[in-house]
Amino acid sequence: MTASRLLPTLAFAILALITLPGAASAQQVDMSGADQPGYIADDADEQLSPQFQRQMVFFRTAEPPGTIVIQTSERYLYLVQGNNRALRYGIGVGRDGFQWQGLLKISRKAEWPDWTPPPEMIERQPYLPRFMAGGPGNPLGARAFYLGATVYRIHGTNQPQTIGTAVSSGCFRLVNADVVDLYGRVPVGTKVVVRQRPEL
């Protein structure tokens, strides 16, 4: 990681320490976590290890083609193709205490979405901006799918090194190339099934 790529993140952390009341020391700002507004990944960061690269796989499910199935424990998102096949994407998932399961539908899609962290996230991470316009340094990445009326999303990321890990606040992240690919394949209204463990 070069110094020039760290500058936006470090500058933002320093600015937050100076301007936010009650921010007394650098130890209070967790910059090792999932959200680093302003960080811009380079092409090398976007190269995933083979197990998390987008690929067609065998996948047995009763869900119809076009359904998204997220297996949190596996760190994979599957787009069901039918005939026991699915397009599999490596993802990052929620950290301990922020994982969930359920059935939702995609209620909205956005290209280079703006980011407005919810109040509960700002309470946990007071250094975060209250609003950030879409762009390469935005934690939502190149595309976002909004899940029902919840605060959760499937989205890109400016931190591709977190794919395969559990560090988010409950959203599911893909590298930007993968979220752009998925964006072109699924419409608003797509069924999304989130599971903690695979079906037996």
N, C-alpha and C. Protein backbone atom coordinates (compact mmCIF):
# COMPACT_ATOMS: atom_id res chain seq x y z
N MET A 1 0.86 -1.19 0.00
CA MET A 1 0.00 0.00 0.00
C MET A 1 0.89 1.24 0.00
N THR A 2 0.69 2.11 -0.95
CA THR A 2 1.54 3.28 -1.07
C THR A 2 1.03 4.40 -0.18
N ALA A 3 1.94 5.30 0.14
CA ALA A 3 1.58 6.44 0.99
C ALA A 3 0.52 7.31 0.34
N SER A 4 0.59 7.44 -1.00
CA SER A 4 -0.38 8.31 -1.68
C SER A 4 -1.80 7.77 -1.58
N ARG A 5 -1.93 6.43 -1.52
CA ARG A 5 -3.27 5.85 -1.42
C ARG A 5 -3.81 5.95 -0.01
N LEU A 6 -2.94 6.09 0.97
CA LEU A 6 -3.39 6.21 2.35
C LEU A 6 -3.74 7.64 2.74
N LEU A 7 -3.24 8.60 1.97
CA LEU A 7 -3.43 10.00 2.34
C LEU A 7 -4.88 10.41 2.56
N PRO A 8 -5.83 10.04 1.65
CA PRO A 8 -7.21 10.47 1.91
C PRO A 8 -7.77 9.92 3.22
N THR A 9 -7.45 8.66 3.52
CA THR A 9 -7.96 8.05 4.76
C THR A 9 -7.34 8.70 5.98
N LEU A 10 -6.01 8.90 5.95
CA LEU A 10 -5.34 9.49 7.11
C LEU A 10 -5.79 10.94 7.32
N ALA A 11 -5.95 11.67 6.22
CA ALA A 11 -6.40 13.06 6.35
C ALA A 11 -7.80 13.12 6.95
N PHE A 12 -8.65 12.21 6.53
CA PHE A 12 -10.02 12.21 7.05
C PHE A 12 -10.02 11.87 8.53
N ALA A 13 -9.19 10.89 8.95
CA ALA A 13 -9.14 10.51 10.36
C ALA A 13 -8.63 11.67 11.21
N ILE A 14 -7.61 12.39 10.74
CA ILE A 14 -7.06 13.52 11.48
C ILE A 14 -8.09 14.63 11.59
N LEU A 15 -8.78 14.91 10.47
CA LEU A 15 -9.82 15.94 10.48
C LEU A 15 -10.93 15.58 11.47
N ALA A 16 -11.32 14.30 11.51
CA ALA A 16 -12.36 13.86 12.44
C ALA A 16 -11.91 14.06 13.88
N LEU A 17 -10.65 13.78 14.18
CA LEU A 17 -10.15 13.94 15.54
C LEU A 17 -10.14 15.41 15.96
N ILE A 18 -9.88 16.29 15.02
CA ILE A 18 -9.81 17.72 15.34
C ILE A 18 -11.20 18.31 15.53
N THR A 19 -12.17 17.90 14.68
CA THR A 19 -13.45 18.60 14.64
C THR A 19 -14.56 17.96 15.46
N LEU A 20 -14.43 16.67 15.78
CA LEU A 20 -15.53 16.03 16.50
C LEU A 20 -15.37 16.19 18.00
N PRO A 21 -16.42 16.65 18.71
CA PRO A 21 -16.32 16.77 20.16
C PRO A 21 -16.17 15.40 20.80
N GLY A 22 -15.31 15.35 21.81
CA GLY A 22 -15.12 14.10 22.55
C GLY A 22 -14.14 13.15 21.90
N ALA A 23 -13.58 13.52 20.74
CA ALA A 23 -12.60 12.64 20.11
C ALA A 23 -11.23 13.02 20.61
N ALA A 24 -10.79 12.32 21.66
CA ALA A 24 -9.59 12.75 22.37
C ALA A 24 -8.31 12.14 21.84
N SER A 25 -8.38 10.94 21.28
CA SER A 25 -7.13 10.30 20.88
C SER A 25 -7.35 9.41 19.68
N ALA A 26 -6.25 9.11 18.99
CA ALA A 26 -6.33 8.26 17.81
C ALA A 26 -6.82 6.87 18.17
N GLN A 27 -6.60 6.40 19.39
CA GLN A 27 -7.04 5.08 19.79
C GLN A 27 -8.56 4.95 19.75
N GLN A 28 -9.28 6.07 19.82
CA GLN A 28 -10.73 6.01 19.82
C GLN A 28 -11.30 5.87 18.41
N VAL A 29 -10.49 6.05 17.39
CA VAL A 29 -10.95 5.95 16.02
C VAL A 29 -10.47 4.64 15.43
N ASP A 30 -11.42 3.75 15.11
CA ASP A 30 -11.08 2.44 14.59
C ASP A 30 -11.00 2.50 13.07
N MET A 31 -9.80 2.72 12.55
CA MET A 31 -9.63 2.77 11.10
C MET A 31 -9.27 1.41 10.53
N SER A 32 -9.21 0.36 11.37
CA SER A 32 -8.90 -0.98 10.88
C SER A 32 -10.16 -1.70 10.43
N GLY A 33 -11.33 -1.13 10.68
CA GLY A 33 -12.58 -1.79 10.38
C GLY A 33 -12.99 -1.66 8.94
N ALA A 34 -14.29 -1.81 8.69
CA ALA A 34 -14.79 -1.94 7.34
C ALA A 34 -14.91 -0.61 6.59
N ASP A 35 -15.16 0.46 7.28
CA ASP A 35 -15.51 1.71 6.61
C ASP A 35 -14.36 2.70 6.62
N GLN A 36 -13.76 2.93 5.45
CA GLN A 36 -12.68 3.89 5.32
C GLN A 36 -13.01 4.84 4.18
N PRO A 37 -13.86 5.82 4.44
CA PRO A 37 -14.22 6.77 3.38
C PRO A 37 -12.98 7.45 2.81
N GLY A 38 -12.93 7.55 1.49
CA GLY A 38 -11.82 8.22 0.84
C GLY A 38 -10.72 7.29 0.38
N TYR A 39 -10.67 6.09 0.91
CA TYR A 39 -9.64 5.13 0.47
C TYR A 39 -9.97 4.68 -0.95
N ILE A 40 -8.99 4.68 -1.83
CA ILE A 40 -9.19 4.25 -3.21
C ILE A 40 -8.27 3.07 -3.50
N ALA A 41 -8.89 1.93 -3.80
CA ALA A 41 -8.13 0.72 -4.09
C ALA A 41 -7.53 0.79 -5.48
N ASP A 42 -6.43 0.08 -5.68
CA ASP A 42 -5.85 0.01 -7.03
C ASP A 42 -6.19 -1.34 -7.65
N ASP A 43 -5.78 -1.54 -8.90
CA ASP A 43 -6.14 -2.75 -9.64
C ASP A 43 -5.64 -4.01 -8.94
N ALA A 44 -4.47 -3.94 -8.32
CA ALA A 44 -3.92 -5.13 -7.64
C ALA A 44 -4.82 -5.55 -6.48
N ASP A 45 -5.40 -4.57 -5.78
CA ASP A 45 -6.29 -4.89 -4.67
C ASP A 45 -7.54 -5.62 -5.14
N GLU A 46 -7.96 -5.35 -6.36
CA GLU A 46 -9.20 -5.94 -6.90
C GLU A 46 -9.03 -7.40 -7.31
N GLN A 47 -7.80 -7.91 -7.34
CA GLN A 47 -7.56 -9.29 -7.74
C GLN A 47 -7.81 -10.22 -6.55
N LEU A 48 -8.92 -10.94 -6.61
CA LEU A 48 -9.29 -11.83 -5.51
C LEU A 48 -8.57 -13.15 -5.61
N SER A 49 -8.42 -13.82 -4.46
CA SER A 49 -7.88 -15.17 -4.46
C SER A 49 -8.86 -16.08 -5.21
N PRO A 50 -8.40 -17.19 -5.78
CA PRO A 50 -9.24 -18.01 -6.67
C PRO A 50 -10.59 -18.41 -6.08
N GLN A 51 -10.65 -18.74 -4.79
CA GLN A 51 -11.91 -19.22 -4.23
C GLN A 51 -12.99 -18.14 -4.18
N PHE A 52 -12.61 -16.86 -4.25
CA PHE A 52 -13.60 -15.79 -4.20
C PHE A 52 -13.84 -15.12 -5.55
N GLN A 53 -13.20 -15.63 -6.59
CA GLN A 53 -13.43 -15.07 -7.92
C GLN A 53 -14.78 -15.54 -8.47
N ARG A 54 -15.42 -14.68 -9.24
CA ARG A 54 -16.72 -14.99 -9.84
C ARG A 54 -16.59 -16.21 -10.74
N GLN A 55 -17.50 -17.19 -10.55
CA GLN A 55 -17.45 -18.41 -11.35
C GLN A 55 -18.78 -19.14 -11.32
N MET A 56 -19.03 -19.96 -12.35
CA MET A 56 -20.20 -20.81 -12.40
C MET A 56 -19.91 -22.07 -11.58
N VAL A 57 -20.85 -22.45 -10.71
CA VAL A 57 -20.64 -23.60 -9.83
C VAL A 57 -21.89 -24.48 -9.77
N PHE A 58 -21.71 -25.70 -9.29
CA PHE A 58 -22.84 -26.57 -8.99
C PHE A 58 -23.52 -26.03 -7.75
N PHE A 59 -24.86 -25.90 -7.80
CA PHE A 59 -25.59 -25.34 -6.66
C PHE A 59 -27.00 -25.89 -6.68
N ARG A 60 -27.29 -26.74 -5.71
CA ARG A 60 -28.61 -27.36 -5.63
C ARG A 60 -29.51 -26.50 -4.74
N THR A 61 -30.65 -26.09 -5.29
CA THR A 61 -31.60 -25.28 -4.53
C THR A 61 -32.99 -25.42 -5.13
N ALA A 62 -33.99 -25.19 -4.30
CA ALA A 62 -35.37 -25.17 -4.78
C ALA A 62 -35.77 -23.79 -5.27
N GLU A 63 -34.91 -22.79 -5.10
CA GLU A 63 -35.22 -21.42 -5.52
C GLU A 63 -35.19 -21.33 -7.05
N PRO A 64 -36.07 -20.52 -7.63
CA PRO A 64 -36.12 -20.41 -9.09
C PRO A 64 -34.95 -19.60 -9.65
N PRO A 65 -34.64 -19.79 -10.93
CA PRO A 65 -33.59 -18.99 -11.57
C PRO A 65 -33.85 -17.50 -11.39
N GLY A 66 -32.76 -16.76 -11.19
CA GLY A 66 -32.85 -15.32 -10.97
C GLY A 66 -32.85 -14.93 -9.51
N THR A 67 -33.02 -15.90 -8.62
CA THR A 67 -32.99 -15.63 -7.18
C THR A 67 -31.55 -15.44 -6.71
N ILE A 68 -31.34 -14.52 -5.79
CA ILE A 68 -30.05 -14.37 -5.13
C ILE A 68 -30.11 -15.11 -3.79
N VAL A 69 -29.15 -15.98 -3.57
CA VAL A 69 -29.03 -16.69 -2.30
C VAL A 69 -27.68 -16.33 -1.69
N ILE A 70 -27.71 -15.78 -0.48
CA ILE A 70 -26.48 -15.40 0.21
C ILE A 70 -26.24 -16.38 1.35
N GLN A 71 -25.07 -17.01 1.34
CA GLN A 71 -24.67 -17.93 2.40
C GLN A 71 -23.62 -17.21 3.25
N THR A 72 -24.07 -16.63 4.35
CA THR A 72 -23.19 -15.81 5.17
C THR A 72 -21.97 -16.58 5.66
N SER A 73 -22.18 -17.80 6.14
CA SER A 73 -21.07 -18.57 6.70
C SER A 73 -20.02 -18.92 5.67
N GLU A 74 -20.44 -19.06 4.39
CA GLU A 74 -19.51 -19.41 3.32
C GLU A 74 -18.82 -18.19 2.70
N ARG A 75 -19.40 -17.00 2.90
CA ARG A 75 -18.92 -15.75 2.28
C ARG A 75 -19.14 -15.78 0.77
N TYR A 76 -20.31 -16.31 0.36
CA TYR A 76 -20.66 -16.36 -1.06
C TYR A 76 -22.06 -15.85 -1.31
N LEU A 77 -22.22 -15.20 -2.46
CA LEU A 77 -23.52 -14.83 -3.00
C LEU A 77 -23.71 -15.65 -4.27
N TYR A 78 -24.87 -16.32 -4.37
CA TYR A 78 -25.18 -17.15 -5.54
C TYR A 78 -26.33 -16.53 -6.32
N LEU A 79 -26.17 -16.40 -7.62
CA LEU A 79 -27.26 -16.02 -8.50
C LEU A 79 -27.72 -17.29 -9.20
N VAL A 80 -28.89 -17.80 -8.82
CA VAL A 80 -29.38 -19.08 -9.30
C VAL A 80 -29.62 -19.03 -10.81
N GLN A 81 -29.07 -20.04 -11.52
CA GLN A 81 -29.21 -20.13 -12.98
C GLN A 81 -30.16 -21.23 -13.41
N GLY A 82 -30.51 -22.14 -12.53
CA GLY A 82 -31.31 -23.31 -12.90
C GLY A 82 -30.42 -24.48 -13.24
N ASN A 83 -31.02 -25.68 -13.36
CA ASN A 83 -30.27 -26.90 -13.68
C ASN A 83 -29.11 -27.13 -12.72
N ASN A 84 -29.36 -26.84 -11.43
CA ASN A 84 -28.35 -27.05 -10.38
C ASN A 84 -27.06 -26.27 -10.61
N ARG A 85 -27.20 -25.09 -11.17
CA ARG A 85 -26.04 -24.24 -11.38
C ARG A 85 -26.33 -22.84 -10.86
N ALA A 86 -25.27 -22.14 -10.49
CA ALA A 86 -25.39 -20.76 -10.03
C ALA A 86 -24.11 -20.02 -10.34
N LEU A 87 -24.23 -18.72 -10.53
CA LEU A 87 -23.06 -17.86 -10.66
C LEU A 87 -22.70 -17.44 -9.25
N ARG A 88 -21.48 -17.75 -8.83
CA ARG A 88 -21.06 -17.51 -7.45
C ARG A 88 -20.09 -16.35 -7.37
N TYR A 89 -20.34 -15.46 -6.40
CA TYR A 89 -19.49 -14.29 -6.16
C TYR A 89 -18.96 -14.35 -4.73
N GLY A 90 -17.69 -14.03 -4.55
CA GLY A 90 -17.15 -13.88 -3.20
C GLY A 90 -17.62 -12.57 -2.60
N ILE A 91 -17.96 -12.60 -1.31
CA ILE A 91 -18.49 -11.41 -0.65
C ILE A 91 -17.86 -11.21 0.72
N GLY A 92 -18.00 -10.00 1.24
CA GLY A 92 -17.75 -9.70 2.64
C GLY A 92 -19.09 -9.61 3.34
N VAL A 93 -19.13 -10.01 4.61
CA VAL A 93 -20.40 -10.07 5.34
C VAL A 93 -20.30 -9.33 6.67
N GLY A 94 -21.41 -9.31 7.40
CA GLY A 94 -21.46 -8.64 8.69
C GLY A 94 -20.57 -9.30 9.73
N ARG A 95 -19.98 -8.47 10.57
CA ARG A 95 -19.16 -9.00 11.65
C ARG A 95 -20.05 -9.58 12.75
N ASP A 96 -19.44 -10.22 13.75
CA ASP A 96 -20.20 -10.82 14.85
C ASP A 96 -21.15 -9.79 15.45
N GLY A 97 -22.38 -10.19 15.65
CA GLY A 97 -23.39 -9.30 16.20
C GLY A 97 -24.14 -8.51 15.13
N PHE A 98 -23.68 -8.58 13.87
CA PHE A 98 -24.32 -7.83 12.78
C PHE A 98 -24.75 -8.75 11.65
N GLN A 99 -24.72 -10.05 11.87
CA GLN A 99 -25.18 -10.99 10.86
C GLN A 99 -26.67 -11.26 11.04
N TRP A 100 -27.35 -11.54 9.97
CA TRP A 100 -28.79 -11.75 10.01
C TRP A 100 -29.18 -12.71 8.90
N GLN A 101 -30.43 -13.16 8.93
CA GLN A 101 -30.95 -13.99 7.86
C GLN A 101 -32.40 -13.62 7.61
N GLY A 102 -32.86 -13.93 6.41
CA GLY A 102 -34.24 -13.59 6.09
C GLY A 102 -34.49 -13.59 4.60
N LEU A 103 -35.67 -13.14 4.24
CA LEU A 103 -36.12 -13.11 2.85
C LEU A 103 -36.56 -11.68 2.52
N LEU A 104 -35.93 -11.09 1.53
CA LEU A 104 -36.26 -9.73 1.12
C LEU A 104 -36.29 -9.66 -0.41
N LYS A 105 -36.64 -8.47 -0.92
CA LYS A 105 -36.56 -8.22 -2.35
C LYS A 105 -35.75 -6.95 -2.57
N ILE A 106 -35.11 -6.89 -3.73
CA ILE A 106 -34.38 -5.66 -4.09
C ILE A 106 -35.41 -4.59 -4.38
N SER A 107 -35.36 -3.52 -3.59
CA SER A 107 -36.34 -2.44 -3.73
C SER A 107 -35.84 -1.28 -4.60
N ARG A 108 -34.52 -1.21 -4.78
CA ARG A 108 -33.94 -0.12 -5.57
C ARG A 108 -32.53 -0.49 -5.98
N LYS A 109 -32.08 0.03 -7.12
CA LYS A 109 -30.71 -0.13 -7.58
C LYS A 109 -30.13 1.26 -7.83
N ALA A 110 -28.82 1.40 -7.62
CA ALA A 110 -28.18 2.70 -7.86
C ALA A 110 -26.77 2.51 -8.39
N GLU A 111 -26.38 3.37 -9.34
CA GLU A 111 -25.01 3.41 -9.86
C GLU A 111 -24.22 4.48 -9.12
N TRP A 112 -23.02 4.14 -8.69
CA TRP A 112 -22.17 5.05 -7.91
C TRP A 112 -23.01 5.79 -6.86
N PRO A 113 -23.60 5.01 -5.94
CA PRO A 113 -24.53 5.60 -4.98
C PRO A 113 -23.86 6.54 -3.98
N ASP A 114 -24.63 7.54 -3.55
CA ASP A 114 -24.21 8.37 -2.42
C ASP A 114 -24.34 7.52 -1.16
N TRP A 115 -23.65 7.93 -0.11
CA TRP A 115 -23.66 7.19 1.15
C TRP A 115 -24.05 8.12 2.29
N THR A 116 -25.11 7.76 3.00
CA THR A 116 -25.53 8.46 4.21
C THR A 116 -25.56 7.43 5.33
N PRO A 117 -24.50 7.33 6.12
CA PRO A 117 -24.49 6.32 7.19
C PRO A 117 -25.66 6.52 8.15
N PRO A 118 -26.33 5.43 8.54
CA PRO A 118 -27.44 5.58 9.50
C PRO A 118 -26.94 6.05 10.86
N PRO A 119 -27.82 6.67 11.65
CA PRO A 119 -27.40 7.23 12.95
C PRO A 119 -26.71 6.22 13.86
N GLU A 120 -27.19 4.97 13.86
CA GLU A 120 -26.57 3.96 14.74
C GLU A 120 -25.13 3.65 14.33
N MET A 121 -24.83 3.75 13.03
CA MET A 121 -23.46 3.53 12.57
C MET A 121 -22.57 4.71 12.98
N ILE A 122 -23.11 5.92 12.87
CA ILE A 122 -22.34 7.11 13.28
C ILE A 122 -22.08 7.09 14.78
N GLU A 123 -23.03 6.57 15.54
CA GLU A 123 -22.82 6.47 16.99
C GLU A 123 -21.66 5.54 17.32
N ARG A 124 -21.54 4.44 16.54
CA ARG A 124 -20.44 3.50 16.76
C ARG A 124 -19.13 4.02 16.20
N GLN A 125 -19.19 4.77 15.10
CA GLN A 125 -18.00 5.24 14.41
C GLN A 125 -18.15 6.74 14.14
N PRO A 126 -17.96 7.57 15.16
CA PRO A 126 -18.25 9.01 15.02
C PRO A 126 -17.38 9.74 14.02
N TYR A 127 -16.29 9.14 13.56
CA TYR A 127 -15.43 9.79 12.57
C TYR A 127 -16.03 9.75 11.16
N LEU A 128 -17.11 8.95 10.95
CA LEU A 128 -17.67 8.82 9.61
C LEU A 128 -18.32 10.12 9.16
N PRO A 129 -18.30 10.37 7.84
CA PRO A 129 -19.00 11.55 7.34
C PRO A 129 -20.50 11.35 7.47
N ARG A 130 -21.25 12.45 7.53
CA ARG A 130 -22.71 12.35 7.58
C ARG A 130 -23.28 12.12 6.19
N PHE A 131 -22.50 12.45 5.16
CA PHE A 131 -22.91 12.23 3.77
C PHE A 131 -21.64 12.17 2.93
N MET A 132 -21.66 11.28 1.93
CA MET A 132 -20.54 11.20 1.00
C MET A 132 -21.07 10.92 -0.39
N ALA A 133 -20.71 11.77 -1.33
CA ALA A 133 -21.14 11.58 -2.72
C ALA A 133 -20.52 10.32 -3.30
N GLY A 134 -21.22 9.73 -4.26
CA GLY A 134 -20.72 8.53 -4.91
C GLY A 134 -19.40 8.78 -5.62
N GLY A 135 -18.59 7.72 -5.72
CA GLY A 135 -17.30 7.83 -6.38
C GLY A 135 -16.37 6.71 -5.93
N PRO A 136 -15.16 6.65 -6.47
CA PRO A 136 -14.23 5.55 -6.17
C PRO A 136 -13.88 5.40 -4.69
N GLY A 137 -13.88 6.49 -3.92
CA GLY A 137 -13.55 6.40 -2.51
C GLY A 137 -14.75 6.15 -1.60
N ASN A 138 -15.93 6.00 -2.20
CA ASN A 138 -17.15 5.78 -1.41
C ASN A 138 -17.24 4.32 -0.97
N PRO A 139 -17.52 4.05 0.31
CA PRO A 139 -17.60 2.67 0.79
C PRO A 139 -18.68 1.82 0.12
N LEU A 140 -19.67 2.44 -0.56
CA LEU A 140 -20.69 1.65 -1.27
C LEU A 140 -20.22 1.20 -2.65
N GLY A 141 -19.09 1.70 -3.09
CA GLY A 141 -18.54 1.26 -4.36
C GLY A 141 -19.33 1.69 -5.57
N ALA A 142 -19.21 0.88 -6.64
CA ALA A 142 -19.74 1.26 -7.95
C ALA A 142 -21.24 1.08 -8.11
N ARG A 143 -21.84 0.15 -7.35
CA ARG A 143 -23.27 -0.12 -7.47
C ARG A 143 -23.82 -0.53 -6.11
N ALA A 144 -25.13 -0.35 -5.94
CA ALA A 144 -25.78 -0.79 -4.71
C ALA A 144 -27.17 -1.31 -5.01
N PHE A 145 -27.55 -2.35 -4.30
CA PHE A 145 -28.90 -2.90 -4.32
C PHE A 145 -29.47 -2.71 -2.93
N TYR A 146 -30.60 -2.03 -2.83
CA TYR A 146 -31.23 -1.76 -1.54
C TYR A 146 -32.21 -2.89 -1.24
N LEU A 147 -32.15 -3.43 -0.03
CA LEU A 147 -32.92 -4.62 0.34
C LEU A 147 -34.17 -4.23 1.12
N GLY A 148 -35.32 -4.31 0.46
CA GLY A 148 -36.59 -3.97 1.09
C GLY A 148 -36.57 -2.56 1.66
N ALA A 149 -37.12 -2.42 2.87
CA ALA A 149 -37.13 -1.12 3.56
C ALA A 149 -36.07 -1.08 4.65
N THR A 150 -35.11 -2.00 4.61
CA THR A 150 -34.08 -2.08 5.64
C THR A 150 -32.93 -1.12 5.34
N VAL A 151 -31.97 -1.04 6.25
CA VAL A 151 -30.75 -0.26 6.02
C VAL A 151 -29.68 -1.09 5.32
N TYR A 152 -29.99 -2.36 5.03
CA TYR A 152 -29.00 -3.27 4.46
C TYR A 152 -28.97 -3.18 2.94
N ARG A 153 -27.77 -3.43 2.39
CA ARG A 153 -27.57 -3.36 0.96
C ARG A 153 -26.60 -4.45 0.52
N ILE A 154 -26.69 -4.80 -0.73
CA ILE A 154 -25.62 -5.51 -1.44
C ILE A 154 -24.93 -4.42 -2.23
N HIS A 155 -23.63 -4.27 -2.08
CA HIS A 155 -22.96 -3.14 -2.73
C HIS A 155 -21.51 -3.44 -3.05
N GLY A 156 -20.91 -2.54 -3.81
CA GLY A 156 -19.49 -2.63 -4.09
C GLY A 156 -18.70 -2.19 -2.87
N THR A 157 -17.40 -2.02 -3.04
CA THR A 157 -16.58 -1.60 -1.91
C THR A 157 -15.33 -0.89 -2.39
N ASN A 158 -14.84 0.02 -1.56
CA ASN A 158 -13.54 0.64 -1.83
C ASN A 158 -12.44 -0.11 -1.08
N GLN A 159 -12.79 -1.24 -0.45
CA GLN A 159 -11.83 -2.07 0.28
C GLN A 159 -11.94 -3.53 -0.15
N PRO A 160 -11.49 -3.85 -1.34
CA PRO A 160 -11.63 -5.22 -1.85
C PRO A 160 -10.92 -6.27 -1.00
N GLN A 161 -9.97 -5.84 -0.19
CA GLN A 161 -9.26 -6.80 0.67
C GLN A 161 -10.17 -7.39 1.75
N THR A 162 -11.37 -6.83 1.92
CA THR A 162 -12.29 -7.36 2.94
C THR A 162 -13.21 -8.45 2.39
N ILE A 163 -13.12 -8.77 1.09
CA ILE A 163 -13.93 -9.86 0.55
C ILE A 163 -13.47 -11.17 1.20
N GLY A 164 -14.45 -11.96 1.65
CA GLY A 164 -14.14 -13.20 2.35
C GLY A 164 -14.04 -13.04 3.85
N THR A 165 -14.26 -11.82 4.34
CA THR A 165 -14.17 -11.56 5.78
C THR A 165 -15.53 -11.13 6.33
N ALA A 166 -15.59 -11.00 7.64
CA ALA A 166 -16.81 -10.57 8.32
C ALA A 166 -16.50 -9.29 9.08
N VAL A 167 -16.68 -8.14 8.42
CA VAL A 167 -16.30 -6.86 9.04
C VAL A 167 -17.36 -5.77 8.89
N SER A 168 -18.42 -6.03 8.12
CA SER A 168 -19.38 -4.95 7.84
C SER A 168 -20.40 -4.80 8.96
N SER A 169 -21.29 -3.83 8.80
CA SER A 169 -22.37 -3.61 9.76
C SER A 169 -23.65 -4.31 9.34
N GLY A 170 -23.52 -5.35 8.52
CA GLY A 170 -24.67 -6.15 8.11
C GLY A 170 -24.93 -6.17 6.62
N CYS A 171 -24.24 -5.28 5.87
CA CYS A 171 -24.37 -5.28 4.41
C CYS A 171 -23.47 -6.35 3.81
N PHE A 172 -23.70 -6.62 2.52
CA PHE A 172 -22.91 -7.60 1.78
C PHE A 172 -22.17 -6.87 0.68
N ARG A 173 -20.86 -7.05 0.63
CA ARG A 173 -20.04 -6.30 -0.31
C ARG A 173 -19.35 -7.21 -1.31
N LEU A 174 -19.21 -6.71 -2.52
CA LEU A 174 -18.50 -7.38 -3.59
C LEU A 174 -17.45 -6.42 -4.14
N VAL A 175 -16.44 -6.95 -4.81
CA VAL A 175 -15.53 -6.04 -5.52
C VAL A 175 -16.33 -5.33 -6.60
N ASN A 176 -15.86 -4.17 -7.01
CA ASN A 176 -16.63 -3.36 -7.94
C ASN A 176 -16.92 -4.05 -9.27
N ALA A 177 -15.95 -4.80 -9.80
CA ALA A 177 -16.19 -5.50 -11.06
C ALA A 177 -17.33 -6.50 -10.92
N ASP A 178 -17.41 -7.15 -9.78
CA ASP A 178 -18.46 -8.15 -9.57
C ASP A 178 -19.82 -7.50 -9.33
N VAL A 179 -19.85 -6.40 -8.59
CA VAL A 179 -21.15 -5.77 -8.33
C VAL A 179 -21.70 -5.14 -9.61
N VAL A 180 -20.82 -4.67 -10.50
CA VAL A 180 -21.26 -4.14 -11.80
C VAL A 180 -21.83 -5.29 -12.64
N ASP A 181 -21.17 -6.44 -12.60
CA ASP A 181 -21.65 -7.61 -13.33
C ASP A 181 -23.03 -8.04 -12.81
N LEU A 182 -23.18 -8.12 -11.50
CA LEU A 182 -24.45 -8.52 -10.90
C LEU A 182 -25.54 -7.50 -11.22
N TYR A 183 -25.18 -6.23 -11.22
CA TYR A 183 -26.13 -5.14 -11.49
C TYR A 183 -26.79 -5.32 -12.85
N GLY A 184 -26.01 -5.78 -13.82
CA GLY A 184 -26.54 -5.97 -15.16
C GLY A 184 -27.39 -7.22 -15.31
N ARG A 185 -27.40 -8.07 -14.30
CA ARG A 185 -28.11 -9.36 -14.39
C ARG A 185 -29.42 -9.41 -13.62
N VAL A 186 -29.60 -8.56 -12.62
CA VAL A 186 -30.79 -8.69 -11.77
C VAL A 186 -31.59 -7.38 -11.72
N PRO A 187 -32.91 -7.47 -11.83
CA PRO A 187 -33.76 -6.28 -11.79
C PRO A 187 -34.25 -5.96 -10.38
N VAL A 188 -34.84 -4.80 -10.23
CA VAL A 188 -35.58 -4.47 -9.01
C VAL A 188 -36.69 -5.51 -8.85
N GLY A 189 -36.94 -5.93 -7.63
CA GLY A 189 -37.94 -6.96 -7.36
C GLY A 189 -37.36 -8.34 -7.20
N THR A 190 -36.04 -8.50 -7.49
CA THR A 190 -35.40 -9.80 -7.35
C THR A 190 -35.48 -10.29 -5.91
N LYS A 191 -35.80 -11.56 -5.75
CA LYS A 191 -35.86 -12.19 -4.44
C LYS A 191 -34.44 -12.44 -3.92
N VAL A 192 -34.22 -12.09 -2.64
CA VAL A 192 -32.92 -12.29 -2.00
C VAL A 192 -33.14 -13.12 -0.73
N VAL A 193 -32.48 -14.27 -0.69
CA VAL A 193 -32.58 -15.17 0.46
C VAL A 193 -31.24 -15.12 1.19
N VAL A 194 -31.26 -14.71 2.45
CA VAL A 194 -30.03 -14.63 3.26
C VAL A 194 -30.06 -15.76 4.28
N ARG A 195 -29.04 -16.60 4.24
CA ARG A 195 -28.96 -17.74 5.15
C ARG A 195 -27.65 -17.69 5.93
N GLN A 196 -27.72 -18.10 7.19
CA GLN A 196 -26.51 -18.19 8.01
C GLN A 196 -25.72 -19.45 7.64
N ARG A 197 -26.44 -20.54 7.34
CA ARG A 197 -25.79 -21.80 7.04
C ARG A 197 -26.41 -22.40 5.78
N PRO A 198 -25.63 -23.19 5.03
CA PRO A 198 -26.19 -23.82 3.82
C PRO A 198 -27.30 -24.80 4.19
N GLU A 199 -28.21 -25.03 3.24
CA GLU A 199 -29.24 -26.04 3.42
C GLU A 199 -28.62 -27.42 3.36
N LEU A 200 -29.16 -28.36 4.13
CA LEU A 200 -28.67 -29.75 4.09
C LEU A 200 -29.35 -30.49 2.96
